[in-house]
C-alpha cells in the first residue's frame, strides 16, 4: 500500500499565498483543493488521511506516478475480482457435478428397484398362470352333473317314489364309474381339480341319500349320523387344506377360483373300500321296499359293516394325513 505522507506545516495559519500560487501553477489546482482531493482519495482507498503538505517538497511530488499506482491498484482489484469469480464458478461447477452424480445414482437405484419389482410381479403372474388348469373336462362335467342330481334323488326318495330313486341312483353310479375311467384312460382329461370335485360330489350324493333314507325309515339313525359326521369332517378338512395351500394374496375370489389348483387329494385304500360299501348299502336299503326284504338280518349286518368302514376311513385320513393330500408348489 502507498505509505502515508505526512507533510509539515510551515505556518500555523495554513498555506501562504506563494505556495498556493505555485501549486496552482504546477498542478493546475489550488492548494486547498489539492489537499482535499488527496484526503478524499486516501479516505476512499484506505490510506491515512493527509493532514499537512510540505510545500518545499512539492516538486518531488509525482502526480503521474500516483495515477499509475492508482491504476495498478485498480487493475489488481479487478484481477482479484476475476480470480474470486473463477473460484466461485469452480465451486458452483463442482457442486453441480456432485449433484448430477448423486441424481444419476439415485435414478439408477430407483430404476433398479423398479426392475426388480416388475420382475417379481412377472414371476407371480407366471406362477399363477402355471397353477391354473382347464377344469371343463368330461370327467369334471360328469362329476358336477352327479352333484346337481344328488338333491333331486333325495327329494324323490322322500316323496316315496323308490323305483324312480333307484333309477336315478344307478345313473349317478354310472357317472361315478365313467369319470374315473375317462380320467385314467385319457390323461388330457385328467385334472387336479377333479381330485377334489369327485369326492365332494360323492359326499353330497351320500349325504342326500342317507338323510332321505333315514327320513323314510329305511336307514337307522345312528348310521346316518356316522356317515354325515364323517362327510362334514372331510369337507371341512378340504376347506382348511385349500386355505393352507393357497399362496398370497389369500383373497375371497382366489379361494373359490376352481381353475387355481393348489392341492391334490389322494384318497386312502380304506376310503375307497368304504365308498363302495356305502353305495352298496344305499342301493340295497333303497331296494328293500321295492323287493320286500325290510328288516332282513343281512341288511342289518350290512349296516354295521358300513358303520365300521366309515369310522375306519375317517381315522385313516387322520393317521395318514401327510399322504392324503399334496400341496402343489411351483417348480
C-alpha atoms as a PDB file:
ATOM      1  CA  UNK A   1       0.000   0.000   0.000  1.00  0.00           C
ATOM      2  CA  UNK A   2       1.069   3.552  -0.559  1.00  0.00           C
ATOM      3  CA  UNK A   3       2.844   4.821   2.600  1.00  0.00           C
ATOM      4  CA  UNK A   4       1.251   7.653   4.416  1.00  0.00           C
ATOM      5  CA  UNK A   5       2.762  11.010   3.655  1.00  0.00           C
ATOM      6  CA  UNK A   6       2.781  13.482   6.445  1.00  0.00           C
ATOM      7  CA  UNK A   7       3.635  16.987   5.426  1.00  0.00           C
ATOM      8  CA  UNK A   8       4.960  19.616   7.710  1.00  0.00           C
ATOM      9  CA  UNK A   9       3.071  22.787   8.262  1.00  0.00           C
ATOM     10  CA  UNK A  10       5.200  25.803   7.584  1.00  0.00           C
ATOM     11  CA  UNK A  11       2.866  28.298   9.118  1.00  0.00           C
ATOM     12  CA  UNK A  12       0.454  27.911  11.940  1.00  0.00           C
ATOM     13  CA  UNK A  13      -2.310  29.602   9.957  1.00  0.00           C
ATOM     14  CA  UNK A  14      -2.062  27.300   6.900  1.00  0.00           C
ATOM     15  CA  UNK A  15      -0.511  27.568   3.432  1.00  0.00           C
ATOM     16  CA  UNK A  16       0.834  31.025   2.405  1.00  0.00           C
ATOM     17  CA  UNK A  17      -0.210  32.668  -0.766  1.00  0.00           C
ATOM     18  CA  UNK A  18       3.016  31.871  -2.673  1.00  0.00           C
ATOM     19  CA  UNK A  19       2.713  28.138  -2.052  1.00  0.00           C
ATOM     20  CA  UNK A  20      -0.858  28.133  -3.204  1.00  0.00           C
ATOM     21  CA  UNK A  21       0.139  30.069  -6.321  1.00  0.00           C
ATOM     22  CA  UNK A  22       2.936  27.595  -7.034  1.00  0.00           C
ATOM     23  CA  UNK A  23       0.585  24.565  -6.612  1.00  0.00           C
ATOM     24  CA  UNK A  24      -1.884  26.225  -8.888  1.00  0.00           C
ATOM     25  CA  UNK A  25       0.872  26.862 -11.435  1.00  0.00           C
ATOM     26  CA  UNK A  26       2.343  23.343 -11.237  1.00  0.00           C
ATOM     27  CA  UNK A  27      -0.748  21.152 -10.729  1.00  0.00           C
ATOM     28  CA  UNK A  28      -3.432  23.391 -12.119  1.00  0.00           C
ATOM     29  CA  UNK A  29      -5.443  23.379  -8.853  1.00  0.00           C
ATOM     30  CA  UNK A  30      -5.404  25.387  -5.673  1.00  0.00           C
ATOM     31  CA  UNK A  31      -3.566  24.123  -2.640  1.00  0.00           C
ATOM     32  CA  UNK A  32      -6.641  23.537  -0.561  1.00  0.00           C
ATOM     33  CA  UNK A  33      -8.376  21.804  -3.413  1.00  0.00           C
ATOM     34  CA  UNK A  34      -5.405  19.539  -3.968  1.00  0.00           C
ATOM     35  CA  UNK A  35      -5.242  18.587  -0.295  1.00  0.00           C
ATOM     36  CA  UNK A  36      -8.943  17.873  -0.284  1.00  0.00           C
ATOM     37  CA  UNK A  37      -8.539  15.671  -3.327  1.00  0.00           C
ATOM     38  CA  UNK A  38      -5.720  13.752  -1.659  1.00  0.00           C
ATOM     39  CA  UNK A  39      -7.717  13.426   1.518  1.00  0.00           C
ATOM     40  CA  UNK A  40     -10.721  12.082  -0.377  1.00  0.00           C
ATOM     41  CA  UNK A  41      -8.540   9.658  -2.334  1.00  0.00           C
ATOM     42  CA  UNK A  42      -6.862   8.488   0.878  1.00  0.00           C
ATOM     43  CA  UNK A  43     -10.204   8.001   2.604  1.00  0.00           C
ATOM     44  CA  UNK A  44     -11.634   6.104  -0.388  1.00  0.00           C
ATOM     45  CA  UNK A  45      -8.638   3.783  -0.784  1.00  0.00           C
ATOM     46  CA  UNK A  46      -7.947   3.167   2.906  1.00  0.00           C
ATOM     47  CA  UNK A  47      -4.813   5.320   3.254  1.00  0.00           C
ATOM     48  CA  UNK A  48      -4.039   7.504   6.226  1.00  0.00           C
ATOM     49  CA  UNK A  49      -5.621  10.910   5.863  1.00  0.00           C
ATOM     50  CA  UNK A  50      -3.196  13.598   4.648  1.00  0.00           C
ATOM     51  CA  UNK A  51      -3.220  16.477   7.074  1.00  0.00           C
ATOM     52  CA  UNK A  52      -0.180  18.565   6.119  1.00  0.00           C
ATOM     53  CA  UNK A  53       1.539  19.489   2.914  1.00  0.00           C
ATOM     54  CA  UNK A  54       5.214  20.229   2.657  1.00  0.00           C
ATOM     55  CA  UNK A  55       5.473  22.931   0.050  1.00  0.00           C
ATOM     56  CA  UNK A  56       9.281  22.530  -0.092  1.00  0.00           C
ATOM     57  CA  UNK A  57       8.855  19.010  -1.488  1.00  0.00           C
ATOM     58  CA  UNK A  58       6.105  19.916  -3.977  1.00  0.00           C
ATOM     59  CA  UNK A  59       8.413  19.462  -6.938  1.00  0.00           C
ATOM     60  CA  UNK A  60       9.189  15.886  -5.888  1.00  0.00           C
ATOM     61  CA  UNK A  61       5.509  15.083  -5.880  1.00  0.00           C
ATOM     62  CA  UNK A  62       4.786  12.983  -8.957  1.00  0.00           C
ATOM     63  CA  UNK A  63       1.098  13.068  -9.831  1.00  0.00           C
ATOM     64  CA  UNK A  64       1.628  10.769 -12.793  1.00  0.00           C
ATOM     65  CA  UNK A  65       3.215   8.159 -10.507  1.00  0.00           C
ATOM     66  CA  UNK A  66       0.263   8.445  -8.158  1.00  0.00           C
ATOM     67  CA  UNK A  67      -2.107   7.895 -11.046  1.00  0.00           C
ATOM     68  CA  UNK A  68      -0.077   4.894 -12.219  1.00  0.00           C
ATOM     69  CA  UNK A  69      -0.166   3.445  -8.737  1.00  0.00           C
ATOM     70  CA  UNK A  70      -3.931   4.005  -8.521  1.00  0.00           C
ATOM     71  CA  UNK A  71      -4.366   2.305 -11.874  1.00  0.00           C
ATOM     72  CA  UNK A  72      -2.209  -0.604 -10.695  1.00  0.00           C
ATOM     73  CA  UNK A  73      -4.293  -0.968  -7.561  1.00  0.00           C
ATOM     74  CA  UNK A  74      -7.436  -0.781  -9.661  1.00  0.00           C
ATOM     75  CA  UNK A  75      -6.083  -3.450 -12.012  1.00  0.00           C
ATOM     76  CA  UNK A  76      -5.060  -5.635  -9.032  1.00  0.00           C
ATOM     77  CA  UNK A  77      -8.547  -5.293  -7.548  1.00  0.00           C
ATOM     78  CA  UNK A  78     -10.050  -6.214 -10.900  1.00  0.00           C
ATOM     79  CA  UNK A  79      -7.787  -9.276 -11.142  1.00  0.00           C
ATOM     80  CA  UNK A  80      -8.701 -10.368  -7.631  1.00  0.00           C
ATOM     81  CA  UNK A  81     -12.368  -9.926  -8.514  1.00  0.00           C
ATOM     82  CA  UNK A  82     -11.915 -12.115 -11.571  1.00  0.00           C
ATOM     83  CA  UNK A  83      -9.992 -14.654  -9.531  1.00  0.00           C
ATOM     84  CA  UNK A  84     -12.746 -14.741  -6.888  1.00  0.00           C
ATOM     85  CA  UNK A  85     -15.328 -15.105  -9.628  1.00  0.00           C
ATOM     86  CA  UNK A  86     -13.390 -18.032 -11.083  1.00  0.00           C
ATOM     87  CA  UNK A  87     -13.104 -19.669  -7.647  1.00  0.00           C
ATOM     88  CA  UNK A  88     -16.853 -19.213  -7.069  1.00  0.00           C
ATOM     89  CA  UNK A  89     -17.646 -20.580 -10.522  1.00  0.00           C
ATOM     90  CA  UNK A  90     -15.408 -23.589  -9.920  1.00  0.00           C
ATOM     91  CA  UNK A  91     -17.135 -24.256  -6.597  1.00  0.00           C
ATOM     92  CA  UNK A  92     -20.554 -23.990  -8.287  1.00  0.00           C
ATOM     93  CA  UNK A  93     -19.447 -26.322 -11.079  1.00  0.00           C
ATOM     94  CA  UNK A  94     -18.105 -28.807  -8.545  1.00  0.00           C
ATOM     95  CA  UNK A  95     -21.333 -28.737  -6.541  1.00  0.00           C
ATOM     96  CA  UNK A  96     -23.332 -29.109  -9.752  1.00  0.00           C
ATOM     97  CA  UNK A  97     -21.230 -32.105 -10.816  1.00  0.00           C
ATOM     98  CA  UNK A  98     -21.689 -33.734  -7.390  1.00  0.00           C
ATOM     99  CA  UNK A  99     -25.438 -33.071  -7.528  1.00  0.00           C
ATOM    100  CA  UNK A 100     -25.682 -34.577 -11.024  1.00  0.00           C
ATOM    101  CA  UNK A 101     -23.676 -37.595  -9.861  1.00  0.00           C
ATOM    102  CA  UNK A 102     -25.945 -38.107  -6.834  1.00  0.00           C
ATOM    103  CA  UNK A 103     -29.008 -37.624  -9.029  1.00  0.00           C
ATOM    104  CA  UNK A 104     -27.770 -40.222 -11.517  1.00  0.00           C
ATOM    105  CA  UNK A 105     -27.005 -42.642  -8.685  1.00  0.00           C
ATOM    106  CA  UNK A 106     -30.484 -42.133  -7.220  1.00  0.00           C
ATOM    107  CA  UNK A 107     -32.130 -42.557 -10.631  1.00  0.00           C
ATOM    108  CA  UNK A 108     -30.163 -45.763 -11.245  1.00  0.00           C
ATOM    109  CA  UNK A 109     -31.145 -47.053  -7.821  1.00  0.00           C
ATOM    110  CA  UNK A 110     -34.825 -46.289  -8.442  1.00  0.00           C
ATOM    111  CA  UNK A 111     -34.659 -47.876 -11.894  1.00  0.00           C
ATOM    112  CA  UNK A 112     -33.032 -50.998 -10.472  1.00  0.00           C
ATOM    113  CA  UNK A 113     -35.660 -51.259  -7.719  1.00  0.00           C
ATOM    114  CA  UNK A 114     -38.437 -50.788 -10.282  1.00  0.00           C
ATOM    115  CA  UNK A 115     -36.974 -53.522 -12.481  1.00  0.00           C
ATOM    116  CA  UNK A 116     -36.803 -55.880  -9.508  1.00  0.00           C
ATOM    117  CA  UNK A 117     -40.435 -55.172  -8.616  1.00  0.00           C
ATOM    118  CA  UNK A 118     -41.525 -55.698 -12.224  1.00  0.00           C
ATOM    119  CA  UNK A 119     -39.578 -58.941 -12.401  1.00  0.00           C
ATOM    120  CA  UNK A 120     -41.152 -60.135  -9.158  1.00  0.00           C
ATOM    121  CA  UNK A 121     -44.632 -59.246 -10.440  1.00  0.00           C
ATOM    122  CA  UNK A 122     -43.965 -61.122 -13.680  1.00  0.00           C
ATOM    123  CA  UNK A 123     -42.825 -64.155 -11.702  1.00  0.00           C
ATOM    124  CA  UNK A 124     -46.012 -64.049  -9.622  1.00  0.00           C
ATOM    125  CA  UNK A 125     -48.151 -63.722 -12.756  1.00  0.00           C
ATOM    126  CA  UNK A 126     -46.337 -66.635 -14.384  1.00  0.00           C
ATOM    127  CA  UNK A 127     -46.738 -68.657 -11.188  1.00  0.00           C
ATOM    128  CA  UNK A 128     -50.487 -68.019 -11.101  1.00  0.00           C
ATOM    129  CA  UNK A 129     -50.800 -68.863 -14.784  1.00  0.00           C
ATOM    130  CA  UNK A 130     -48.875 -72.092 -14.347  1.00  0.00           C
ATOM    131  CA  UNK A 131     -51.092 -73.120 -11.429  1.00  0.00           C
ATOM    132  CA  UNK A 132     -54.277 -72.734 -13.493  1.00  0.00           C
ATOM    133  CA  UNK A 133     -55.666 -75.622 -15.490  1.00  0.00           C
ATOM    134  CA  UNK A 134     -58.650 -76.443 -17.643  1.00  0.00           C
ATOM    135  CA  UNK A 135     -61.442 -77.805 -15.467  1.00  0.00           C
ATOM    136  CA  UNK A 136     -64.003 -78.046 -18.284  1.00  0.00           C
ATOM    137  CA  UNK A 137     -63.240 -81.726 -18.925  1.00  0.00           C
ATOM    138  CA  UNK A 138     -65.648 -84.615 -19.470  1.00  0.00           C
ATOM    139  CA  UNK A 139     -64.927 -86.275 -16.064  1.00  0.00           C
ATOM    140  CA  UNK A 140     -65.481 -82.986 -14.268  1.00  0.00           C
ATOM    141  CA  UNK A 141     -68.737 -82.394 -16.146  1.00  0.00           C
ATOM    142  CA  UNK A 142     -69.953 -85.865 -15.122  1.00  0.00           C
ATOM    143  CA  UNK A 143     -68.924 -85.156 -11.537  1.00  0.00           C
ATOM    144  CA  UNK A 144     -70.778 -81.819 -11.479  1.00  0.00           C
ATOM    145  CA  UNK A 145     -73.884 -83.416 -13.007  1.00  0.00           C
ATOM    146  CA  UNK A 146     -73.836 -86.079 -10.264  1.00  0.00           C
ATOM    147  CA  UNK A 147     -73.572 -83.357  -7.603  1.00  0.00           C
ATOM    148  CA  UNK A 148     -76.536 -81.494  -9.108  1.00  0.00           C
ATOM    149  CA  UNK A 149     -78.564 -84.711  -9.347  1.00  0.00           C
ATOM    150  CA  UNK A 150     -77.973 -85.692  -5.702  1.00  0.00           C
ATOM    151  CA  UNK A 151     -80.534 -83.374  -4.020  1.00  0.00           C
ATOM    152  CA  UNK A 152     -83.178 -84.385  -6.559  1.00  0.00           C
ATOM    153  CA  UNK A 153     -82.616 -88.066  -5.809  1.00  0.00           C
ATOM    154  CA  UNK A 154     -83.141 -87.336  -2.112  1.00  0.00           C
ATOM    155  CA  UNK A 155     -86.344 -85.442  -2.920  1.00  0.00           C
ATOM    156  CA  UNK A 156     -87.684 -88.378  -4.969  1.00  0.00           C
ATOM    157  CA  UNK A 157     -86.972 -90.819  -2.106  1.00  0.00           C
ATOM    158  CA  UNK A 158     -88.700 -88.589   0.447  1.00  0.00           C
ATOM    159  CA  UNK A 159     -91.752 -88.479  -1.833  1.00  0.00           C
ATOM    160  CA  UNK A 160     -91.881 -92.308  -1.710  1.00  0.00           C
ATOM    161  CA  UNK A 161     -91.065 -92.951  -5.374  1.00  0.00           C
ATOM    162  CA  UNK A 162     -88.433 -95.599  -4.607  1.00  0.00           C
ATOM    163  CA  UNK A 163     -88.346 -97.033  -8.129  1.00  0.00           C
ATOM    164  CA  UNK A 164     -87.542 -93.623  -9.628  1.00  0.00           C
ATOM    165  CA  UNK A 165     -84.995 -93.061  -6.884  1.00  0.00           C
ATOM    166  CA  UNK A 166     -83.325 -96.367  -7.687  1.00  0.00           C
ATOM    167  CA  UNK A 167     -83.120 -95.462 -11.393  1.00  0.00           C
ATOM    168  CA  UNK A 168     -81.524 -92.097 -10.637  1.00  0.00           C
ATOM    169  CA  UNK A 169     -79.120 -93.776  -8.204  1.00  0.00           C
ATOM    170  CA  UNK A 170     -77.997 -96.160 -10.944  1.00  0.00           C
ATOM    171  CA  UNK A 171     -77.403 -93.201 -13.266  1.00  0.00           C
ATOM    172  CA  UNK A 172     -75.344 -91.442 -10.562  1.00  0.00           C
ATOM    173  CA  UNK A 173     -73.306 -94.617 -10.043  1.00  0.00           C
ATOM    174  CA  UNK A 174     -72.632 -94.885 -13.783  1.00  0.00           C
ATOM    175  CA  UNK A 175     -71.372 -91.276 -13.900  1.00  0.00           C
ATOM    176  CA  UNK A 176     -69.084 -92.062 -10.947  1.00  0.00           C
ATOM    177  CA  UNK A 177     -67.572 -95.019 -12.819  1.00  0.00           C
ATOM    178  CA  UNK A 178     -67.255 -93.169 -16.130  1.00  0.00           C
ATOM    179  CA  UNK A 179     -65.459 -90.092 -14.840  1.00  0.00           C
ATOM    180  CA  UNK A 180     -62.746 -92.217 -13.226  1.00  0.00           C
ATOM    181  CA  UNK A 181     -62.285 -94.431 -16.299  1.00  0.00           C
ATOM    182  CA  UNK A 182     -62.085 -91.469 -18.689  1.00  0.00           C
ATOM    183  CA  UNK A 183     -59.577 -89.612 -16.495  1.00  0.00           C
ATOM    184  CA  UNK A 184     -57.331 -92.691 -16.302  1.00  0.00           C
ATOM    185  CA  UNK A 185     -57.519 -93.647 -19.985  1.00  0.00           C
ATOM    186  CA  UNK A 186     -57.078 -90.124 -21.405  1.00  0.00           C
ATOM    187  CA  UNK A 187     -54.519 -88.076 -19.476  1.00  0.00           C
ATOM    188  CA  UNK A 188     -55.622 -84.892 -21.258  1.00  0.00           C
ATOM    189  CA  UNK A 189     -58.991 -85.252 -19.487  1.00  0.00           C
ATOM    190  CA  UNK A 190     -57.440 -85.663 -16.056  1.00  0.00           C
ATOM    191  CA  UNK A 191     -57.196 -82.653 -13.750  1.00  0.00           C
ATOM    192  CA  UNK A 192     -56.036 -81.929 -10.243  1.00  0.00           C
ATOM    193  CA  UNK A 193     -59.317 -80.143  -9.555  1.00  0.00           C
ATOM    194  CA  UNK A 194     -61.091 -83.440 -10.207  1.00  0.00           C
ATOM    195  CA  UNK A 195     -59.326 -84.977  -7.201  1.00  0.00           C
ATOM    196  CA  UNK A 196     -61.368 -82.584  -5.035  1.00  0.00           C
ATOM    197  CA  UNK A 197     -64.554 -82.354  -7.118  1.00  0.00           C
ATOM    198  CA  UNK A 198     -65.113 -86.129  -7.299  1.00  0.00           C
ATOM    199  CA  UNK A 199     -65.045 -86.822  -3.520  1.00  0.00           C
ATOM    200  CA  UNK A 200     -67.082 -83.672  -2.886  1.00  0.00           C
ATOM    201  CA  UNK A 201     -69.780 -84.914  -5.278  1.00  0.00           C
ATOM    202  CA  UNK A 202     -69.682 -88.357  -3.638  1.00  0.00           C
ATOM    203  CA  UNK A 203     -70.117 -86.777  -0.200  1.00  0.00           C
ATOM    204  CA  UNK A 204     -73.046 -84.700  -1.436  1.00  0.00           C
ATOM    205  CA  UNK A 205     -74.704 -87.736  -3.032  1.00  0.00           C
ATOM    206  CA  UNK A 206     -74.117 -89.878   0.036  1.00  0.00           C
ATOM    207  CA  UNK A 207     -75.403 -87.207   2.395  1.00  0.00           C
ATOM    208  CA  UNK A 208     -78.557 -86.638   0.358  1.00  0.00           C
ATOM    209  CA  UNK A 209     -79.269 -90.387   0.184  1.00  0.00           C
ATOM    210  CA  UNK A 210     -78.670 -91.264   3.844  1.00  0.00           C
ATOM    211  CA  UNK A 211     -80.714 -88.296   5.085  1.00  0.00           C
ATOM    212  CA  UNK A 212     -83.627 -89.094   2.756  1.00  0.00           C
ATOM    213  CA  UNK A 213     -83.472 -92.825   3.618  1.00  0.00           C
ATOM    214  CA  UNK A 214     -83.368 -92.046   7.333  1.00  0.00           C
ATOM    215  CA  UNK A 215     -86.399 -89.773   6.893  1.00  0.00           C
ATOM    216  CA  UNK A 216     -88.205 -92.627   5.113  1.00  0.00           C
ATOM    217  CA  UNK A 217     -87.163 -95.060   7.922  1.00  0.00           C
ATOM    218  CA  UNK A 218     -85.146 -97.188   5.520  1.00  0.00           C
ATOM    219  CA  UNK A 219     -81.832 -96.493   7.323  1.00  0.00           C
ATOM    220  CA  UNK A 220     -81.067 -96.348  11.086  1.00  0.00           C
ATOM    221  CA  UNK A 221     -80.445 -93.005  12.736  1.00  0.00           C
ATOM    222  CA  UNK A 222     -77.041 -93.946  14.164  1.00  0.00           C
ATOM    223  CA  UNK A 223     -75.647 -94.944  10.756  1.00  0.00           C
ATOM    224  CA  UNK A 224     -76.932 -91.714   9.221  1.00  0.00           C
ATOM    225  CA  UNK A 225     -75.185 -89.714  11.957  1.00  0.00           C
ATOM    226  CA  UNK A 226     -71.875 -91.559  11.435  1.00  0.00           C
ATOM    227  CA  UNK A 227     -71.922 -91.084   7.660  1.00  0.00           C
ATOM    228  CA  UNK A 228     -72.930 -87.404   7.807  1.00  0.00           C
ATOM    229  CA  UNK A 229     -70.378 -86.603  10.523  1.00  0.00           C
ATOM    230  CA  UNK A 230     -67.596 -88.240   8.518  1.00  0.00           C
ATOM    231  CA  UNK A 231     -68.546 -86.336   5.353  1.00  0.00           C
ATOM    232  CA  UNK A 232     -68.789 -82.999   7.162  1.00  0.00           C
ATOM    233  CA  UNK A 233     -65.382 -83.662   8.738  1.00  0.00           C
ATOM    234  CA  UNK A 234     -63.762 -84.358   5.338  1.00  0.00           C
ATOM    235  CA  UNK A 235     -65.406 -81.352   3.693  1.00  0.00           C
ATOM    236  CA  UNK A 236     -64.150 -79.078   6.489  1.00  0.00           C
ATOM    237  CA  UNK A 237     -60.669 -80.565   6.152  1.00  0.00           C
ATOM    238  CA  UNK A 238     -60.811 -79.813   2.422  1.00  0.00           C
ATOM    239  CA  UNK A 239     -61.562 -76.136   3.093  1.00  0.00           C
ATOM    240  CA  UNK A 240     -58.661 -75.949   5.570  1.00  0.00           C
ATOM    241  CA  UNK A 241     -56.258 -77.572   3.090  1.00  0.00           C
ATOM    242  CA  UNK A 242     -57.386 -75.098   0.424  1.00  0.00           C
ATOM    243  CA  UNK A 243     -56.624 -72.169   2.713  1.00  0.00           C
ATOM    244  CA  UNK A 244     -53.214 -73.539   3.736  1.00  0.00           C
ATOM    245  CA  UNK A 245     -52.131 -74.338   0.177  1.00  0.00           C
ATOM    246  CA  UNK A 246     -53.323 -71.047  -1.355  1.00  0.00           C
ATOM    247  CA  UNK A 247     -50.326 -68.701  -1.846  1.00  0.00           C
ATOM    248  CA  UNK A 248     -50.661 -64.993  -1.007  1.00  0.00           C
ATOM    249  CA  UNK A 249     -52.698 -62.954  -1.578  1.00  0.00           C
ATOM    250  CA  UNK A 250     -55.423 -65.040   0.083  1.00  0.00           C
ATOM    251  CA  UNK A 251     -58.438 -63.277  -1.411  1.00  0.00           C
ATOM    252  CA  UNK A 252     -62.047 -64.490  -1.481  1.00  0.00           C
ATOM    253  CA  UNK A 253     -62.153 -64.686  -5.283  1.00  0.00           C
ATOM    254  CA  UNK A 254     -58.897 -66.670  -5.496  1.00  0.00           C
ATOM    255  CA  UNK A 255     -60.025 -69.014  -2.712  1.00  0.00           C
ATOM    256  CA  UNK A 256     -63.130 -70.093  -4.653  1.00  0.00           C
ATOM    257  CA  UNK A 257     -61.454 -69.995  -8.072  1.00  0.00           C
ATOM    258  CA  UNK A 258     -61.649 -73.637  -9.200  1.00  0.00           C
ATOM    259  CA  UNK A 259     -59.122 -73.067 -12.003  1.00  0.00           C
ATOM    260  CA  UNK A 260     -56.488 -72.066  -9.450  1.00  0.00           C
ATOM    261  CA  UNK A 261     -55.390 -75.501  -8.235  1.00  0.00           C
ATOM    262  CA  UNK A 262     -53.214 -75.533  -5.117  1.00  0.00           C
ATOM    263  CA  UNK A 263     -53.521 -79.094  -3.752  1.00  0.00           C
ATOM    264  CA  UNK A 264     -54.266 -82.625  -4.874  1.00  0.00           C
ATOM    265  CA  UNK A 265     -56.184 -85.177  -2.798  1.00  0.00           C
ATOM    266  CA  UNK A 266     -55.094 -88.811  -2.613  1.00  0.00           C
ATOM    267  CA  UNK A 267     -57.827 -90.977  -1.035  1.00  0.00           C
ATOM    268  CA  UNK A 268     -56.725 -93.887   1.125  1.00  0.00           C
ATOM    269  CA  UNK A 269     -57.458 -97.525   0.297  1.00  0.00           C
ATOM    270  CA  UNK A 270     -59.913 -97.982   3.167  1.00  0.00           C
ATOM    271  CA  UNK A 271     -61.719 -94.832   1.983  1.00  0.00           C
ATOM    272  CA  UNK A 272     -62.207 -96.360  -1.480  1.00  0.00           C
ATOM    273  CA  UNK A 273     -63.498 -99.557   0.105  1.00  0.00           C
ATOM    274  CA  UNK A 274     -65.841 -97.556   2.336  1.00  0.00           C
ATOM    275  CA  UNK A 275     -67.234 -95.649  -0.658  1.00  0.00           C
ATOM    276  CA  UNK A 276     -68.113 -98.937  -2.384  1.00  0.00           C
ATOM    277  CA  UNK A 277     -69.668-100.365   0.800  1.00  0.00           C
ATOM    278  CA  UNK A 278     -71.723 -97.212   1.354  1.00  0.00           C
ATOM    279  CA  UNK A 279     -73.046 -97.215  -2.214  1.00  0.00           C
ATOM    280  CA  UNK A 280     -73.952-100.905  -1.898  1.00  0.00           C
ATOM    281  CA  UNK A 281     -75.697-100.259   1.426  1.00  0.00           C
ATOM    282  CA  UNK A 282     -77.643 -97.306  -0.005  1.00  0.00           C
ATOM    283  CA  UNK A 283     -78.713 -99.293  -3.057  1.00  0.00           C
ATOM    284  CA  UNK A 284     -79.734-102.385  -1.069  1.00  0.00           C
ATOM    285  CA  UNK A 285     -81.582-100.311   1.555  1.00  0.00           C
ATOM    286  CA  UNK A 286     -83.401 -98.382  -1.174  1.00  0.00           C
ATOM    287  CA  UNK A 287     -84.391-101.669  -2.856  1.00  0.00           C
ATOM    288  CA  UNK A 288     -85.818-103.136   0.390  1.00  0.00           C
ATOM    289  CA  UNK A 289     -89.326-101.643  -0.037  1.00  0.00           C
ATOM    290  CA  UNK A 290     -89.257-102.454  -3.760  1.00  0.00           C
ATOM    291  CA  UNK A 291     -88.356-106.156  -3.400  1.00  0.00           C
ATOM    292  CA  UNK A 292     -89.837-106.640   0.105  1.00  0.00           C
ATOM    293  CA  UNK A 293     -86.925-107.619   2.338  1.00  0.00           C
ATOM    294  CA  UNK A 294     -87.323-104.966   5.053  1.00  0.00           C
ATOM    295  CA  UNK A 295     -85.689-105.795   8.426  1.00  0.00           C
ATOM    296  CA  UNK A 296     -83.735-108.686   6.943  1.00  0.00           C
ATOM    297  CA  UNK A 297     -80.806-109.778   9.184  1.00  0.00           C
ATOM    298  CA  UNK A 298     -78.362-109.497   6.286  1.00  0.00           C
ATOM    299  CA  UNK A 299     -79.452-105.907   5.807  1.00  0.00           C
ATOM    300  CA  UNK A 300     -78.772-105.128   9.453  1.00  0.00           C
ATOM    301  CA  UNK A 301     -75.349-106.762   9.188  1.00  0.00           C
ATOM    302  CA  UNK A 302     -74.566-104.603   6.148  1.00  0.00           C
ATOM    303  CA  UNK A 303     -75.471-101.538   8.155  1.00  0.00           C
ATOM    304  CA  UNK A 304     -72.977-102.411  10.884  1.00  0.00           C
ATOM    305  CA  UNK A 305     -70.288-103.155   8.299  1.00  0.00           C
ATOM    306  CA  UNK A 306     -70.886 -99.764   6.721  1.00  0.00           C
ATOM    307  CA  UNK A 307     -70.575 -98.053  10.101  1.00  0.00           C
ATOM    308  CA  UNK A 308     -67.248 -99.772  10.837  1.00  0.00           C
ATOM    309  CA  UNK A 309     -65.735 -98.969   7.438  1.00  0.00           C
ATOM    310  CA  UNK A 310     -66.922 -95.352   7.706  1.00  0.00           C
ATOM    311  CA  UNK A 311     -65.174 -94.855  11.051  1.00  0.00           C
ATOM    312  CA  UNK A 312     -62.056 -96.631   9.768  1.00  0.00           C
ATOM    313  CA  UNK A 313     -61.962 -94.392   6.668  1.00  0.00           C
ATOM    314  CA  UNK A 314     -62.190 -91.246   8.801  1.00  0.00           C
ATOM    315  CA  UNK A 315     -59.364 -92.470  11.055  1.00  0.00           C
ATOM    316  CA  UNK A 316     -57.219 -93.335   8.030  1.00  0.00           C
ATOM    317  CA  UNK A 317     -57.369 -89.706   6.882  1.00  0.00           C
ATOM    318  CA  UNK A 318     -56.281 -88.540  10.334  1.00  0.00           C
ATOM    319  CA  UNK A 319     -53.466 -91.061  10.715  1.00  0.00           C
ATOM    320  CA  UNK A 320     -52.139 -90.736   7.159  1.00  0.00           C
ATOM    321  CA  UNK A 321     -52.888 -87.037   6.768  1.00  0.00           C
ATOM    322  CA  UNK A 322     -49.420 -86.349   5.262  1.00  0.00           C
ATOM    323  CA  UNK A 323     -50.090 -88.816   2.449  1.00  0.00           C
ATOM    324  CA  UNK A 324     -53.723 -87.991   1.726  1.00  0.00           C
ATOM    325  CA  UNK A 325     -53.111 -84.585   0.155  1.00  0.00           C
ATOM    326  CA  UNK A 326     -50.253 -82.880  -1.667  1.00  0.00           C
ATOM    327  CA  UNK A 327     -49.725 -79.132  -1.870  1.00  0.00           C
ATOM    328  CA  UNK A 328     -48.753 -78.060  -5.378  1.00  0.00           C
ATOM    329  CA  UNK A 329     -45.686 -75.834  -5.488  1.00  0.00           C
ATOM    330  CA  UNK A 330     -44.212 -74.000  -8.447  1.00  0.00           C
ATOM    331  CA  UNK A 331     -41.296 -75.898  -9.975  1.00  0.00           C
END
